[in-house]
C-alpha atoms as a PDB file:
ATOM      1  CA  MET A   1     -11.267  35.515 -15.722  1.00  0.00           C
ATOM      2  CA  THR A   2     -10.222  32.057 -15.008  1.00  0.00           C
ATOM      3  CA  THR A   3      -7.625  30.236 -17.122  1.00  0.00           C
ATOM      4  CA  LYS A   4      -9.054  27.155 -19.258  1.00  0.00           C
ATOM      5  CA  ARG A   5      -6.697  24.582 -19.349  1.00  0.00           C
ATOM      6  CA  PHE A   6      -6.675  21.224 -21.420  1.00  0.00           C
ATOM      7  CA  ILE A   7      -6.772  18.141 -19.506  1.00  0.00           C
ATOM      8  CA  ALA A   8      -3.979  15.715 -20.845  1.00  0.00           C
ATOM      9  CA  GLY A   9      -5.535  12.257 -21.477  1.00  0.00           C
ATOM     10  CA  ALA A  10      -8.992  13.239 -21.073  1.00  0.00           C
ATOM     11  CA  VAL A  11     -11.608  11.699 -23.502  1.00  0.00           C
ATOM     12  CA  CYS A  12     -14.796  13.611 -24.716  1.00  0.00           C
ATOM     13  CA  PRO A  13     -17.961  11.661 -23.754  1.00  0.00           C
ATOM     14  CA  ARG A  14     -19.602  12.832 -26.898  1.00  0.00           C
ATOM     15  CA  CYS A  15     -17.061  12.347 -29.701  1.00  0.00           C
ATOM     16  CA  SER A  16     -14.571  10.154 -28.076  1.00  0.00           C
ATOM     17  CA  GLU A  17     -11.693  12.705 -29.227  1.00  0.00           C
ATOM     18  CA  MET A  18      -8.628  12.665 -26.892  1.00  0.00           C
ATOM     19  CA  ASP A  19      -6.917  15.699 -25.424  1.00  0.00           C
ATOM     20  CA  LYS A  20      -9.677  18.197 -26.883  1.00  0.00           C
ATOM     21  CA  ILE A  21     -11.199  18.774 -23.276  1.00  0.00           C
ATOM     22  CA  ARG A  22     -10.537  21.930 -21.428  1.00  0.00           C
ATOM     23  CA  ALA A  23     -11.518  22.723 -17.866  1.00  0.00           C
ATOM     24  CA  TRP A  24     -11.917  25.646 -15.651  1.00  0.00           C
ATOM     25  CA  ARG A  25     -13.231  26.553 -12.295  1.00  0.00           C
ATOM     26  CA  ASP A  26     -15.479  29.487 -11.172  1.00  0.00           C
ATOM     27  CA  ASP A  27     -15.072  29.948  -7.275  1.00  0.00           C
ATOM     28  CA  GLU A  28     -17.745  32.478  -7.138  1.00  0.00           C
ATOM     29  CA  GLU A  29     -20.431  29.985  -8.262  1.00  0.00           C
ATOM     30  CA  GLU A  30     -18.596  27.165  -6.801  1.00  0.00           C
ATOM     31  CA  LYS A  31     -18.828  25.097 -10.039  1.00  0.00           C
ATOM     32  CA  GLN A  32     -16.091  23.317 -12.247  1.00  0.00           C
ATOM     33  CA  TYR A  33     -16.759  23.433 -16.006  1.00  0.00           C
ATOM     34  CA  ARG A  34     -15.361  21.348 -18.919  1.00  0.00           C
ATOM     35  CA  GLU A  35     -16.019  21.704 -22.665  1.00  0.00           C
ATOM     36  CA  CYS A  36     -14.656  19.662 -25.670  1.00  0.00           C
ATOM     37  CA  VAL A  37     -13.248  22.096 -28.543  1.00  0.00           C
ATOM     38  CA  ALA A  38     -13.921  19.484 -31.147  1.00  0.00           C
ATOM     39  CA  CYS A  39     -17.756  18.977 -30.923  1.00  0.00           C
ATOM     40  CA  GLY A  40     -18.682  21.724 -28.525  1.00  0.00           C
ATOM     41  CA  TYR A  41     -19.720  19.352 -25.567  1.00  0.00           C
ATOM     42  CA  GLN A  42     -20.201  21.279 -22.117  1.00  0.00           C
ATOM     43  CA  ASP A  43     -21.049  20.095 -18.688  1.00  0.00           C
ATOM     44  CA  GLU A  44     -20.687  21.583 -14.967  1.00  0.00           C
ATOM     45  CA  GLN A  45     -20.115  20.245 -11.765  1.00  0.00           C
ATOM     46  CA  SER A  46     -20.462  21.647  -8.348  1.00  0.00           C
ATOM     47  CA  THR A  47     -17.342  22.041  -6.041  1.00  0.00           C
ATOM     48  CA  LYS A  48     -19.539  22.131  -2.984  1.00  0.00           C
ATOM     49  CA  VAL A  49     -18.652  19.750  -0.294  1.00  0.00           C
ATOM     50  CA  GLN A  50     -21.549  17.295  -0.030  1.00  0.00           C
ATOM     51  CA  ALA A  51     -22.390  15.574   3.166  1.00  0.00           C
ATOM     52  CA  GLN A  52     -21.588  11.822   2.670  1.00  0.00           C
ATOM     53  CA  SER A  53     -24.303   9.179   2.630  1.00  0.00           C
ATOM     54  CA  ILE A  54     -24.560   6.422   4.902  1.00  0.00           C
ATOM     55  CA  GLU A  55     -22.779   3.478   4.178  1.00  0.00           C
ATOM     56  CA  ILE A  56     -25.006   0.464   3.304  1.00  0.00           C
ATOM     57  CA  PRO A  57     -24.060  -2.421   5.558  1.00  0.00           C
ATOM     58  CA  THR A  58     -22.305  -5.468   3.717  1.00  0.00           C
ATOM     59  CA  ARG A  59     -20.384  -8.536   4.840  1.00  0.00           C
ATOM     60  CA  VAL A  60     -17.165  -6.658   3.828  1.00  0.00           C
ATOM     61  CA  ASN A  61     -17.572  -3.496   6.188  1.00  0.00           C
ATOM     62  CA  GLN A  62     -19.155  -5.309   8.956  1.00  0.00           C
ATOM     63  CA  PRO A  63     -16.807  -6.449  11.958  1.00  0.00           C
ATOM     64  CA  HIS A  64     -16.417 -10.334  12.096  1.00  0.00           C
ATOM     65  CA  SER A  65     -15.872 -12.550  15.065  1.00  0.00           C
ATOM     66  CA  ALA A  66     -12.674 -14.418  15.625  1.00  0.00           C
ATOM     67  CA  GLN A  67     -14.475 -17.560  16.241  1.00  0.00           C
ATOM     68  CA  PRO A  68     -15.398 -19.867  13.346  1.00  0.00           C
ATOM     69  CA  GLU A  69     -19.179 -20.375  12.764  1.00  0.00           C
ATOM     70  CA  ALA A  70     -18.770 -24.316  12.541  1.00  0.00           C
ATOM     71  CA  GLU A  71     -16.225 -26.605  13.771  1.00  0.00           C
ATOM     72  CA  ALA A  72     -13.369 -27.596  11.536  1.00  0.00           C
ATOM     73  CA  THR A  73     -13.014 -31.140  10.339  1.00  0.00           C
ATOM     74  CA  VAL A  74     -10.241 -32.887   8.635  1.00  0.00           C
ATOM     75  CA  ILE A  75     -10.881 -34.365   4.905  1.00  0.00           C
ATOM     76  CA  ASN A  76      -8.403 -37.034   3.629  1.00  0.00           C
ATOM     77  CA  PHE A  77      -8.325 -36.993  -0.287  1.00  0.00           C
ATOM     78  CA  ILE A  78      -7.379 -40.374  -1.918  1.00  0.00           C
ATOM     79  CA  PRO A  79      -5.673 -39.643  -5.310  1.00  0.00           C
ATOM     80  CA  ASN A  80      -7.197 -42.632  -7.167  1.00  0.00           C
ATOM     81  CA  PRO A  81      -9.059 -45.086  -4.737  1.00  0.00           C
ATOM     82  CA  SER A  82      -8.886 -48.157  -7.277  1.00  0.00           C
ATOM     83  CA  THR A  83      -5.065 -48.154  -7.344  1.00  0.00           C
ATOM     84  CA  THR A  84      -4.104 -47.252  -3.792  1.00  0.00           C
ATOM     85  CA  LYS A  85      -3.906 -49.543  -0.909  1.00  0.00           C
ATOM     86  CA  HIS A  86      -5.634 -48.553   2.335  1.00  0.00           C
END
C-alpha cells in the first residue's frame, strides 16, 4: 500500500482548511490522489505524460527584426512655453 502524506501548506478547495490535505500516488493506475481529512473532499489526477499542445503565436513568442518599423525622430519638450525664451 502507498503511504498517504500530508501536504504542508495545502488548502482544501471545498472547506478552505489548511494542512488537512493528504496525497498519495498509485503507480499501477498511473494516478495521483488527494483528499481532505476535514470535509472528505477527494480528487484524482493522471500522472501520464501528455503531449504538449501547439503554442499559440503571440507577439511575445515570435521572433522580431532588429530594424525599427518607423524612423526615429527627436522631440524637444519645452517645460513652460510662456516663461521660457526661445
